[in-house]
C-alpha atoms as a PDB file:
ATOM      1  CA  MET A   1     128.452 114.457 111.749  1.00  0.00           C
ATOM      2  CA  GLY A   2     126.642 113.626 115.004  1.00  0.00           C
ATOM      3  CA  LEU A   3     122.892 113.527 115.543  1.00  0.00           C
ATOM      4  CA  LEU A   4     120.945 116.050 113.495  1.00  0.00           C
ATOM      5  CA  LYS A   5     118.921 118.385 115.681  1.00  0.00           C
ATOM      6  CA  ALA A   6     115.338 118.230 114.396  1.00  0.00           C
ATOM      7  CA  ALA A   7     112.319 120.445 115.015  1.00  0.00           C
ATOM      8  CA  VAL A   8     108.723 120.306 113.817  1.00  0.00           C
ATOM      9  CA  ILE A   9     106.671 123.422 113.174  1.00  0.00           C
ATOM     10  CA  GLY A  10     102.988 122.577 113.208  1.00  0.00           C
ATOM     11  CA  VAL A  11     102.191 119.485 115.291  1.00  0.00           C
ATOM     12  CA  GLY A  12      98.594 118.836 114.374  1.00  0.00           C
ATOM     13  CA  GLU A  13      97.391 115.693 112.621  1.00  0.00           C
ATOM     14  CA  MET A  14     100.471 115.254 110.416  1.00  0.00           C
ATOM     15  CA  GLY A  15     103.164 117.125 112.298  1.00  0.00           C
ATOM     16  CA  ARG A  16     102.876 115.053 115.443  1.00  0.00           C
ATOM     17  CA  HIS A  17     103.890 112.000 113.404  1.00  0.00           C
ATOM     18  CA  HIS A  18     106.953 113.861 112.148  1.00  0.00           C
ATOM     19  CA  ALA A  19     107.846 114.515 115.791  1.00  0.00           C
ATOM     20  CA  ARG A  20     107.344 110.862 116.699  1.00  0.00           C
ATOM     21  CA  ILE A  21     109.627 109.655 113.917  1.00  0.00           C
ATOM     22  CA  TYR A  22     112.384 112.202 114.582  1.00  0.00           C
ATOM     23  CA  GLY A  23     112.243 111.175 118.230  1.00  0.00           C
ATOM     24  CA  ASN A  24     112.843 107.524 117.342  1.00  0.00           C
ATOM     25  CA  LEU A  25     115.415 107.687 114.539  1.00  0.00           C
ATOM     26  CA  PRO A  26     119.020 106.842 115.464  1.00  0.00           C
ATOM     27  CA  THR A  27     120.308 109.726 113.320  1.00  0.00           C
ATOM     28  CA  THR A  28     118.180 112.549 114.731  1.00  0.00           C
ATOM     29  CA  GLU A  29     117.436 114.250 118.034  1.00  0.00           C
ATOM     30  CA  LEU A  30     114.067 115.968 118.344  1.00  0.00           C
ATOM     31  CA  VAL A  31     114.816 119.227 120.164  1.00  0.00           C
ATOM     32  CA  ALA A  32     111.615 121.281 119.911  1.00  0.00           C
ATOM     33  CA  VAL A  33     108.126 121.619 118.438  1.00  0.00           C
ATOM     34  CA  ALA A  34     105.992 124.660 117.687  1.00  0.00           C
ATOM     35  CA  ASP A  35     102.284 125.178 117.159  1.00  0.00           C
ATOM     36  CA  TRP A  36     100.040 128.237 117.453  1.00  0.00           C
ATOM     37  CA  ASN A  37      97.779 126.130 119.699  1.00  0.00           C
ATOM     38  CA  ARG A  38      99.569 126.119 123.039  1.00  0.00           C
ATOM     39  CA  SER A  39      97.858 123.003 124.397  1.00  0.00           C
ATOM     40  CA  THR A  40      98.661 121.038 121.227  1.00  0.00           C
ATOM     41  CA  ALA A  41     102.305 122.120 121.325  1.00  0.00           C
ATOM     42  CA  ALA A  42     102.605 121.367 125.035  1.00  0.00           C
ATOM     43  CA  ARG A  43     101.028 117.931 124.705  1.00  0.00           C
ATOM     44  CA  VAL A  44     103.380 116.798 121.937  1.00  0.00           C
ATOM     45  CA  ALA A  45     106.411 118.350 123.639  1.00  0.00           C
ATOM     46  CA  ASP A  46     105.583 116.631 126.909  1.00  0.00           C
ATOM     47  CA  ARG A  47     105.302 113.274 125.199  1.00  0.00           C
ATOM     48  CA  TYR A  48     108.805 113.548 123.724  1.00  0.00           C
ATOM     49  CA  ARG A  49     110.295 115.619 126.541  1.00  0.00           C
ATOM     50  CA  VAL A  50     111.333 118.534 124.379  1.00  0.00           C
ATOM     51  CA  ARG A  51     110.752 122.289 124.445  1.00  0.00           C
ATOM     52  CA  PHE A  52     107.682 123.799 122.862  1.00  0.00           C
ATOM     53  CA  TYR A  53     106.902 127.200 121.366  1.00  0.00           C
ATOM     54  CA  THR A  54     103.813 128.953 120.092  1.00  0.00           C
ATOM     55  CA  ASP A  55     105.935 131.172 117.829  1.00  0.00           C
ATOM     56  CA  TYR A  56     108.075 129.310 115.298  1.00  0.00           C
ATOM     57  CA  ARG A  57     110.459 132.257 115.083  1.00  0.00           C
ATOM     58  CA  HIS A  58     111.369 131.816 118.740  1.00  0.00           C
ATOM     59  CA  LEU A  59     111.939 128.106 118.140  1.00  0.00           C
ATOM     60  CA  LEU A  60     114.321 128.807 115.265  1.00  0.00           C
ATOM     61  CA  ALA A  61     116.263 131.445 117.167  1.00  0.00           C
ATOM     62  CA  SER A  62     116.465 129.545 120.449  1.00  0.00           C
ATOM     63  CA  THR A  63     117.170 125.957 119.385  1.00  0.00           C
ATOM     64  CA  THR A  64     119.023 126.395 116.046  1.00  0.00           C
ATOM     65  CA  PRO A  65     117.922 123.047 114.586  1.00  0.00           C
ATOM     66  CA  ASP A  66     119.735 121.424 111.674  1.00  0.00           C
ATOM     67  CA  ILE A  67     116.545 120.163 110.036  1.00  0.00           C
ATOM     68  CA  VAL A  68     112.936 121.306 110.241  1.00  0.00           C
ATOM     69  CA  SER A  69     109.648 119.765 109.180  1.00  0.00           C
ATOM     70  CA  VAL A  70     107.009 122.327 108.221  1.00  0.00           C
ATOM     71  CA  ALA A  71     103.491 120.959 108.701  1.00  0.00           C
ATOM     72  CA  VAL A  72     101.459 124.143 109.066  1.00  0.00           C
ATOM     73  CA  PRO A  73      98.426 125.099 106.919  1.00  0.00           C
ATOM     74  CA  THR A  74      99.251 125.584 103.234  1.00  0.00           C
ATOM     75  CA  VAL A  75      98.892 129.359 103.331  1.00  0.00           C
ATOM     76  CA  MET A  76     101.746 129.474 105.868  1.00  0.00           C
ATOM     77  CA  HIS A  77     104.163 127.144 104.045  1.00  0.00           C
ATOM     78  CA  TYR A  78     106.122 129.872 102.308  1.00  0.00           C
ATOM     79  CA  LYS A  79     106.523 132.140 105.331  1.00  0.00           C
ATOM     80  CA  VAL A  80     107.543 129.381 107.741  1.00  0.00           C
ATOM     81  CA  ALA A  81     109.763 127.418 105.343  1.00  0.00           C
ATOM     82  CA  LEU A  82     111.520 130.610 104.223  1.00  0.00           C
ATOM     83  CA  ALA A  83     112.261 131.559 107.829  1.00  0.00           C
ATOM     84  CA  ALA A  84     113.661 128.091 108.519  1.00  0.00           C
ATOM     85  CA  LEU A  85     115.917 128.256 105.465  1.00  0.00           C
ATOM     86  CA  GLN A  86     117.154 131.706 106.460  1.00  0.00           C
ATOM     87  CA  HIS A  87     118.056 130.326 109.893  1.00  0.00           C
ATOM     88  CA  GLY A  88     120.294 127.780 108.151  1.00  0.00           C
ATOM     89  CA  CYS A  89     117.939 124.784 108.405  1.00  0.00           C
ATOM     90  CA  HIS A  90     117.358 122.087 105.841  1.00  0.00           C
ATOM     91  CA  VAL A  91     113.592 121.915 105.298  1.00  0.00           C
ATOM     92  CA  LEU A  92     111.033 119.183 104.690  1.00  0.00           C
ATOM     93  CA  VAL A  93     107.771 120.948 103.856  1.00  0.00           C
ATOM     94  CA  GLU A  94     104.497 119.078 103.627  1.00  0.00           C
ATOM     95  CA  LYS A  95     102.712 119.175 100.289  1.00  0.00           C
ATOM     96  CA  PRO A  96     101.803 121.346  98.527  1.00  0.00           C
ATOM     97  CA  ILE A  97     105.163 123.084  98.546  1.00  0.00           C
ATOM     98  CA  ALA A  98     103.401 126.454  98.825  1.00  0.00           C
ATOM     99  CA  ALA A  99     100.091 128.158  98.152  1.00  0.00           C
ATOM    100  CA  THR A 100     101.234 129.693  94.838  1.00  0.00           C
ATOM    101  CA  GLU A 101     103.782 128.998  92.137  1.00  0.00           C
ATOM    102  CA  VAL A 102     105.534 132.295  92.881  1.00  0.00           C
ATOM    103  CA  GLU A 103     105.983 131.284  96.527  1.00  0.00           C
ATOM    104  CA  ALA A 104     107.233 127.838  95.504  1.00  0.00           C
ATOM    105  CA  GLU A 105     109.775 129.380  93.151  1.00  0.00           C
ATOM    106  CA  GLY A 106     110.892 131.681  95.952  1.00  0.00           C
ATOM    107  CA  LEU A 107     111.573 128.758  98.304  1.00  0.00           C
ATOM    108  CA  ILE A 108     113.473 126.872  95.618  1.00  0.00           C
ATOM    109  CA  ALA A 109     115.635 129.902  94.840  1.00  0.00           C
ATOM    110  CA  GLU A 110     116.388 130.577  98.509  1.00  0.00           C
ATOM    111  CA  ALA A 111     117.364 126.959  99.191  1.00  0.00           C
ATOM    112  CA  GLN A 112     119.689 127.044  96.188  1.00  0.00           C
ATOM    113  CA  ARG A 113     121.195 130.358  97.254  1.00  0.00           C
ATOM    114  CA  LEU A 114     121.918 129.044 100.745  1.00  0.00           C
ATOM    115  CA  ASP A 115     122.953 125.548  99.561  1.00  0.00           C
ATOM    116  CA  LEU A 116     120.346 123.894 101.784  1.00  0.00           C
ATOM    117  CA  ARG A 117     118.166 120.852 101.130  1.00  0.00           C
ATOM    118  CA  LEU A 118     114.494 121.573 100.389  1.00  0.00           C
ATOM    119  CA  MET A 119     112.279 118.484 100.187  1.00  0.00           C
ATOM    120  CA  VAL A 120     108.519 118.291  99.628  1.00  0.00           C
ATOM    121  CA  GLY A 121     106.432 115.701 101.463  1.00  0.00           C
ATOM    122  CA  HIS A 122     104.843 113.753  98.620  1.00  0.00           C
ATOM    123  CA  ILE A 123     104.437 110.712 100.812  1.00  0.00           C
ATOM    124  CA  MET A 124     102.914 108.364  98.220  1.00  0.00           C
ATOM    125  CA  ARG A 125     106.280 108.057  96.513  1.00  0.00           C
ATOM    126  CA  PHE A 126     107.538 106.215  99.591  1.00  0.00           C
ATOM    127  CA  ASP A 127     104.746 103.641  99.773  1.00  0.00           C
ATOM    128  CA  PRO A 128     106.515 100.264  99.306  1.00  0.00           C
ATOM    129  CA  ALA A 129     103.723  99.103  96.973  1.00  0.00           C
ATOM    130  CA  ILE A 130     104.177 102.192  94.785  1.00  0.00           C
ATOM    131  CA  GLN A 131     107.924 101.603  94.765  1.00  0.00           C
ATOM    132  CA  LEU A 132     107.360  98.037  93.542  1.00  0.00           C
ATOM    133  CA  LEU A 133     104.865  99.271  90.944  1.00  0.00           C
ATOM    134  CA  ARG A 134     107.405 101.772  89.618  1.00  0.00           C
ATOM    135  CA  ALA A 135     110.077  99.068  89.428  1.00  0.00           C
ATOM    136  CA  ARG A 136     107.698  96.850  87.462  1.00  0.00           C
ATOM    137  CA  LEU A 137     106.938  99.664  85.029  1.00  0.00           C
ATOM    138  CA  LYS A 138     110.625 100.419  84.551  1.00  0.00           C
ATOM    139  CA  ALA A 139     111.152  96.725  83.747  1.00  0.00           C
ATOM    140  CA  GLN A 140     108.216  96.936  81.274  1.00  0.00           C
ATOM    141  CA  GLN A 141     106.482  94.015  82.957  1.00  0.00           C
ATOM    142  CA  LEU A 142     103.078  95.326  81.860  1.00  0.00           C
ATOM    143  CA  GLY A 143     104.244  96.014  78.339  1.00  0.00           C
ATOM    144  CA  LYS A 144     103.288  99.395  76.936  1.00  0.00           C
ATOM    145  CA  VAL A 145     101.338 101.381  79.537  1.00  0.00           C
ATOM    146  CA  GLN A 146      98.062 102.813  78.245  1.00  0.00           C
ATOM    147  CA  LEU A 147      96.169 104.198  81.217  1.00  0.00           C
ATOM    148  CA  ILE A 148      96.813 105.145  84.855  1.00  0.00           C
ATOM    149  CA  THR A 149      93.892 105.833  87.172  1.00  0.00           C
ATOM    150  CA  CYS A 150      94.047 107.083  90.760  1.00  0.00           C
ATOM    151  CA  ARG A 151      91.050 106.983  93.081  1.00  0.00           C
ATOM    152  CA  ARG A 152      91.216 108.810  96.413  1.00  0.00           C
ATOM    153  CA  LEU A 153      87.796 108.858  98.035  1.00  0.00           C
ATOM    154  CA  GLY A 154      86.653 109.407 101.605  1.00  0.00           C
ATOM    155  CA  PRO A 155      84.703 111.510 104.078  1.00  0.00           C
ATOM    156  CA  SER A 156      85.424 115.192 104.627  1.00  0.00           C
ATOM    157  CA  PRO A 157      88.446 115.852 106.878  1.00  0.00           C
ATOM    158  CA  GLN A 158      87.546 118.370 109.552  1.00  0.00           C
ATOM    159  CA  ARG A 159      91.176 119.493 109.876  1.00  0.00           C
ATOM    160  CA  ILE A 160      91.375 121.018 106.384  1.00  0.00           C
ATOM    161  CA  ARG A 161      90.117 124.593 106.194  1.00  0.00           C
ATOM    162  CA  ASP A 162      92.363 126.572 103.844  1.00  0.00           C
ATOM    163  CA  VAL A 163      92.281 124.593 100.568  1.00  0.00           C
ATOM    164  CA  GLY A 164      89.930 122.350  98.637  1.00  0.00           C
ATOM    165  CA  VAL A 165      90.232 118.728  97.638  1.00  0.00           C
ATOM    166  CA  VAL A 166      92.361 119.532  94.571  1.00  0.00           C
ATOM    167  CA  ARG A 167      95.342 121.026  96.391  1.00  0.00           C
ATOM    168  CA  ASP A 168      94.909 118.893  99.505  1.00  0.00           C
ATOM    169  CA  LEU A 169      94.432 115.449  97.958  1.00  0.00           C
ATOM    170  CA  ALA A 170      94.506 115.418  94.153  1.00  0.00           C
ATOM    171  CA  ILE A 171      98.046 116.780  94.280  1.00  0.00           C
ATOM    172  CA  HIS A 172      99.142 113.368  95.606  1.00  0.00           C
ATOM    173  CA  ASP A 173      97.747 111.635  92.551  1.00  0.00           C
ATOM    174  CA  ALA A 174      98.885 114.173  89.974  1.00  0.00           C
ATOM    175  CA  ASP A 175     102.388 113.807  91.391  1.00  0.00           C
ATOM    176  CA  ILE A 176     102.350 110.013  91.540  1.00  0.00           C
ATOM    177  CA  ILE A 177     101.092 109.645  87.959  1.00  0.00           C
ATOM    178  CA  GLN A 178     103.905 111.818  86.637  1.00  0.00           C
ATOM    179  CA  TYR A 179     106.369 109.982  88.915  1.00  0.00           C
ATOM    180  CA  LEU A 180     105.310 106.651  87.403  1.00  0.00           C
ATOM    181  CA  VAL A 181     105.116 107.846  83.795  1.00  0.00           C
ATOM    182  CA  GLU A 182     108.328 109.918  83.736  1.00  0.00           C
ATOM    183  CA  GLN A 183     107.072 111.928  80.762  1.00  0.00           C
ATOM    184  CA  PRO A 184     106.085 115.580  80.443  1.00  0.00           C
ATOM    185  CA  VAL A 185     102.372 116.337  80.721  1.00  0.00           C
ATOM    186  CA  VAL A 186     100.956 117.691  77.463  1.00  0.00           C
ATOM    187  CA  ARG A 187      97.712 119.111  78.882  1.00  0.00           C
ATOM    188  CA  VAL A 188      95.245 118.696  81.728  1.00  0.00           C
ATOM    189  CA  MET A 189      91.466 118.922  81.915  1.00  0.00           C
ATOM    190  CA  ALA A 190      89.173 118.787  84.916  1.00  0.00           C
ATOM    191  CA  GLU A 191      85.700 119.213  86.354  1.00  0.00           C
ATOM    192  CA  THR A 192      85.086 120.010  90.008  1.00  0.00           C
ATOM    193  CA  PHE A 193      82.075 119.877  92.304  1.00  0.00           C
ATOM    194  CA  GLN A 194      81.475 122.158  95.274  1.00  0.00           C
ATOM    195  CA  ARG A 195      78.673 121.984  97.811  1.00  0.00           C
ATOM    196  CA  PRO A 196      76.772 125.263  98.170  1.00  0.00           C
ATOM    197  CA  ASP A 197      77.809 125.761 101.795  1.00  0.00           C
ATOM    198  CA  GLN A 198      81.534 125.161 101.182  1.00  0.00           C
ATOM    199  CA  GLU A 199      84.266 127.664 100.365  1.00  0.00           C
ATOM    200  CA  PHE A 200      86.330 125.216  98.281  1.00  0.00           C
ATOM    201  CA  GLU A 201      85.725 122.314  95.917  1.00  0.00           C
ATOM    202  CA  ASP A 202      84.788 118.893  97.325  1.00  0.00           C
ATOM    203  CA  ALA A 203      85.448 116.668  94.306  1.00  0.00           C
ATOM    204  CA  VAL A 204      87.476 116.595  91.110  1.00  0.00           C
ATOM    205  CA  PHE A 205      87.659 114.442  88.024  1.00  0.00           C
ATOM    206  CA  GLY A 206      90.927 115.272  86.287  1.00  0.00           C
ATOM    207  CA  ILE A 207      92.701 114.040  83.168  1.00  0.00           C
ATOM    208  CA  LEU A 208      96.424 114.283  82.492  1.00  0.00           C
ATOM    209  CA  VAL A 209      97.280 113.801  78.843  1.00  0.00           C
ATOM    210  CA  PHE A 210     100.756 112.500  78.009  1.00  0.00           C
ATOM    211  CA  ASP A 211     102.231 111.840  74.594  1.00  0.00           C
ATOM    212  CA  ASP A 212     100.964 108.246  74.370  1.00  0.00           C
ATOM    213  CA  LEU A 213      98.849 107.521  77.466  1.00  0.00           C
ATOM    214  CA  LEU A 214      96.255 108.997  79.797  1.00  0.00           C
ATOM    215  CA  GLY A 215      96.250 109.598  83.531  1.00  0.00           C
ATOM    216  CA  MET A 216      92.929 109.982  85.339  1.00  0.00           C
ATOM    217  CA  VAL A 217      92.274 111.326  88.827  1.00  0.00           C
ATOM    218  CA  ASN A 218      89.042 110.727  90.751  1.00  0.00           C
ATOM    219  CA  VAL A 219      89.203 112.427  94.144  1.00  0.00           C
ATOM    220  CA  ASN A 220      86.599 113.552  96.664  1.00  0.00           C
ATOM    221  CA  TRP A 221      85.920 113.944 100.350  1.00  0.00           C
ATOM    222  CA  LEU A 222      82.222 113.135  99.991  1.00  0.00           C
ATOM    223  CA  THR A 223      82.336 109.325  99.999  1.00  0.00           C
ATOM    224  CA  PRO A 224      81.536 107.694 103.386  1.00  0.00           C
ATOM    225  CA  MET A 225      84.349 105.145 103.012  1.00  0.00           C
ATOM    226  CA  LYS A 226      88.041 105.459 102.225  1.00  0.00           C
ATOM    227  CA  VAL A 227      89.493 104.316  98.909  1.00  0.00           C
ATOM    228  CA  ARG A 228      93.154 104.803  97.999  1.00  0.00           C
ATOM    229  CA  GLU A 229      93.889 103.016  94.747  1.00  0.00           C
ATOM    230  CA  VAL A 230      96.226 103.224  91.764  1.00  0.00           C
ATOM    231  CA  LEU A 231      95.447 101.242  88.604  1.00  0.00           C
ATOM    232  CA  VAL A 232      97.945 100.895  85.760  1.00  0.00           C
ATOM    233  CA  VAL A 233      96.684  99.259  82.565  1.00  0.00           C
ATOM    234  CA  GLY A 234      99.197  97.914  80.082  1.00  0.00           C
ATOM    235  CA  GLU A 235      99.305  95.554  77.124  1.00  0.00           C
ATOM    236  CA  ARG A 236      99.774  92.496  79.361  1.00  0.00           C
ATOM    237  CA  GLY A 237      97.257  93.280  82.056  1.00  0.00           C
ATOM    238  CA  MET A 238      96.797  95.613  85.011  1.00  0.00           C
ATOM    239  CA  ASP A 239      98.654  96.370  88.231  1.00  0.00           C
ATOM    240  CA  ARG A 240      96.447  97.504  91.099  1.00  0.00           C
ATOM    241  CA  VAL A 241      97.836  99.092  94.257  1.00  0.00           C
ATOM    242  CA  ASP A 242      95.706  99.372  97.390  1.00  0.00           C
ATOM    243  CA  CYS A 243      97.468 102.166  99.237  1.00  0.00           C
ATOM    244  CA  LEU A 244      95.472 101.575 102.419  1.00  0.00           C
ATOM    245  CA  THR A 245      96.916  98.069 102.827  1.00  0.00           C
ATOM    246  CA  GLN A 246     100.165  98.477 100.806  1.00  0.00           C
ATOM    247  CA  ASP A 247      99.193  95.585  98.529  1.00  0.00           C
ATOM    248  CA  LEU A 248      99.966  95.199  94.818  1.00  0.00           C
ATOM    249  CA  TYR A 249      97.981  92.854  92.588  1.00  0.00           C
ATOM    250  CA  PHE A 250      98.668  91.925  88.975  1.00  0.00           C
ATOM    251  CA  HIS A 251      95.550  91.117  86.955  1.00  0.00           C
ATOM    252  CA  GLU A 252      96.634  89.135  83.935  1.00  0.00           C
ATOM    253  CA  GLY A 253      95.059  90.130  80.640  1.00  0.00           C
ATOM    254  CA  VAL A 254      93.911  87.217  78.468  1.00  0.00           C
ATOM    255  CA  GLY A 255      91.601  88.884  75.955  1.00  0.00           C
ATOM    256  CA  ASP A 256      89.006  86.462  74.603  1.00  0.00           C
ATOM    257  CA  LEU A 257      90.791  83.260  75.575  1.00  0.00           C
ATOM    258  CA  VAL A 258      88.332  82.358  78.333  1.00  0.00           C
ATOM    259  CA  GLU A 259      84.959  80.947  77.302  1.00  0.00           C
ATOM    260  CA  TYR A 260      81.852  82.000  79.251  1.00  0.00           C
ATOM    261  CA  TRP A 261      78.193  81.190  78.732  1.00  0.00           C
ATOM    262  CA  ASP A 262      76.155  84.076  77.326  1.00  0.00           C
ATOM    263  CA  THR A 263      74.848  85.466  80.624  1.00  0.00           C
ATOM    264  CA  MET A 264      78.310  85.467  82.189  1.00  0.00           C
ATOM    265  CA  LYS A 265      79.730  87.213  79.128  1.00  0.00           C
ATOM    266  CA  LEU A 266      77.339  90.071  79.750  1.00  0.00           C
ATOM    267  CA  LEU A 267      78.509  90.355  83.355  1.00  0.00           C
ATOM    268  CA  ARG A 268      82.234  89.874  82.883  1.00  0.00           C
ATOM    269  CA  GLY A 269      82.960  91.017  79.348  1.00  0.00           C
ATOM    270  CA  VAL A 270      86.206  89.699  77.893  1.00  0.00           C
ATOM    271  CA  GLY A 271      88.061  86.921  79.644  1.00  0.00           C
ATOM    272  CA  GLU A 272      89.768  87.657  82.964  1.00  0.00           C
ATOM    273  CA  GLY A 273      93.108  86.092  83.725  1.00  0.00           C
ATOM    274  CA  LYS A 274      94.608  85.024  87.017  1.00  0.00           C
ATOM    275  CA  VAL A 275      95.387  87.498  89.795  1.00  0.00           C
ATOM    276  CA  THR A 276      98.777  87.549  91.526  1.00  0.00           C
ATOM    277  CA  ARG A 277      99.339  89.282  94.870  1.00  0.00           C
ATOM    278  CA  TYR A 278     102.942  90.319  95.416  1.00  0.00           C
ATOM    279  CA  PRO A 279     104.578  89.996  98.837  1.00  0.00           C
ATOM    280  CA  ILE A 280     105.618  93.400 100.131  1.00  0.00           C
ATOM    281  CA  GLN A 281     107.431  94.348 103.312  1.00  0.00           C
ATOM    282  CA  LYS A 282     105.068  96.915 104.799  1.00  0.00           C
ATOM    283  CA  ILE A 283     106.781  99.973 106.258  1.00  0.00           C
ATOM    284  CA  GLU A 284     105.301 103.328 107.277  1.00  0.00           C
ATOM    285  CA  PRO A 285     105.739 105.626 104.236  1.00  0.00           C
ATOM    286  CA  LEU A 286     106.247 108.726 106.404  1.00  0.00           C
ATOM    287  CA  LYS A 287     109.136 107.038 108.183  1.00  0.00           C
ATOM    288  CA  LEU A 288     110.728 106.179 104.835  1.00  0.00           C
ATOM    289  CA  GLU A 289     110.177 109.744 103.642  1.00  0.00           C
ATOM    290  CA  ILE A 290     111.809 111.321 106.697  1.00  0.00           C
ATOM    291  CA  MET A 291     114.670 108.839 106.614  1.00  0.00           C
ATOM    292  CA  ALA A 292     115.301 109.767 102.966  1.00  0.00           C
ATOM    293  CA  PHE A 293     115.297 113.469 103.877  1.00  0.00           C
ATOM    294  CA  VAL A 294     117.745 112.905 106.728  1.00  0.00           C
ATOM    295  CA  GLN A 295     120.052 110.850 104.497  1.00  0.00           C
ATOM    296  CA  SER A 296     120.073 113.566 101.845  1.00  0.00           C
ATOM    297  CA  VAL A 297     121.296 116.002 104.502  1.00  0.00           C
ATOM    298  CA  LEU A 298     123.864 113.632 105.987  1.00  0.00           C
ATOM    299  CA  GLU A 299     125.215 112.717 102.543  1.00  0.00           C
ATOM    300  CA  ASP A 300     124.974 116.276 101.162  1.00  0.00           C
ATOM    301  CA  ARG A 301     122.980 115.310  98.080  1.00  0.00           C
ATOM    302  CA  PRO A 302     119.646 116.372  96.574  1.00  0.00           C
ATOM    303  CA  PRO A 303     116.563 114.946  98.291  1.00  0.00           C
ATOM    304  CA  PRO A 304     114.449 112.371  96.435  1.00  0.00           C
ATOM    305  CA  VAL A 305     111.535 114.819  96.124  1.00  0.00           C
ATOM    306  CA  THR A 306     112.966 118.202  95.200  1.00  0.00           C
ATOM    307  CA  GLY A 307     111.432 121.636  95.301  1.00  0.00           C
ATOM    308  CA  HIS A 308     111.090 121.439  91.517  1.00  0.00           C
ATOM    309  CA  ASP A 309     109.082 118.205  91.901  1.00  0.00           C
ATOM    310  CA  GLY A 310     106.803 119.975  94.338  1.00  0.00           C
ATOM    311  CA  LEU A 311     106.447 122.936  91.994  1.00  0.00           C
ATOM    312  CA  MET A 312     105.463 120.686  89.080  1.00  0.00           C
ATOM    313  CA  ALA A 313     102.799 118.945  91.181  1.00  0.00           C
ATOM    314  CA  LEU A 314     101.440 122.335  92.240  1.00  0.00           C
ATOM    315  CA  ARG A 315     101.333 123.489  88.604  1.00  0.00           C
ATOM    316  CA  LEU A 316      99.373 120.404  87.600  1.00  0.00           C
ATOM    317  CA  VAL A 317      96.652 120.870  90.213  1.00  0.00           C
ATOM    318  CA  GLN A 318      96.517 124.587  89.526  1.00  0.00           C
ATOM    319  CA  GLY A 319      95.895 123.459  85.959  1.00  0.00           C
ATOM    320  CA  PHE A 320      92.978 121.330  87.167  1.00  0.00           C
ATOM    321  CA  LEU A 321      91.440 124.330  88.907  1.00  0.00           C
ATOM    322  CA  GLU A 322      91.991 126.576  85.890  1.00  0.00           C
ATOM    323  CA  SER A 323      90.496 124.024  83.513  1.00  0.00           C
ATOM    324  CA  ALA A 324      87.444 123.575  85.734  1.00  0.00           C
ATOM    325  CA  ARG A 325      87.001 127.349  85.923  1.00  0.00           C
ATOM    326  CA  THR A 326      87.371 128.050  82.197  1.00  0.00           C
ATOM    327  CA  GLN A 327      85.939 124.771  80.861  1.00  0.00           C
ATOM    328  CA  GLN A 328      89.037 124.549  78.654  1.00  0.00           C
ATOM    329  CA  PRO A 329      92.134 122.311  78.646  1.00  0.00           C
ATOM    330  CA  VAL A 330      95.318 123.787  80.076  1.00  0.00           C
ATOM    331  CA  ILE A 331      98.376 123.268  77.877  1.00  0.00           C
ATOM    332  CA  PHE A 332     101.683 122.373  79.549  1.00  0.00           C
ATOM    333  CA  TRP A 333     103.952 121.133  76.814  1.00  0.00           C
ATOM    334  CA  LYS A 334     103.886 120.584  73.069  1.00  0.00           C
ATOM    335  CA  GLU A 335     106.421 119.987  70.356  1.00  0.00           C
END
């Protein structure tokens, strides 16, 4: 197979990076972009010397791409991704896979019917630090895992208008916790906060209960600084990933082995062990994600983040919203 013809539908904040990467990969040829905003579409198209469209249907009919990235607002994911599949394109759709579970199931079924690859853009899975963390957990280097906490804090993004912080951001963390744990979620619970002048929620504290450990999600777009952090606590200590810098630190647990004077005991609690920072080759996660999608097409195999993965992540955050609304846990699985 020669170069895969690639197109991007929706070239705003995220989509323009998809276009950049397709334009630079040795296995793909960026042939067109589409965006409802003509000036946005024209600007990106001019940069990469490709055709642009304001109607994605014209793009699909005129350029017949092999692969398509869908980076439009969430409410349009189903309509645009379905059209791309029905034009014979393999599809990488940004998270969440769709606005509703019914729509997500529809995309999965259509991709299966047409024998096309459908991948969901859960980009955190491709962070090299997260990959190393997962490898360490698989090797049981922390011992038995007890608690996973994700913090995703920052100022309000002006580009998001159609969903709240749960489906826009917390879905990353719900997905990554399940990805690391590799166990079914038993139940979820959550509380949300919404400013009076906003249509959607601005903050969420969520809990994912597994059979023998807890996952906790703390996400908002109210904090005037960015935090992107994953903490995994095990019997032997804690791994901490800073997703902004792609760094992984191991904080050794030593219990009460370290002696402190009384005042310091109050400040530090039990003894703290040494901290190890692991060397990591830092690579753009989106590039790794798109490369993985392209390889799944070239090698005719399932993508690393399937439609079913995207559906499960959507179900979890829908569970957060339902729990916050009803003030009750949402049950997912039980023996």
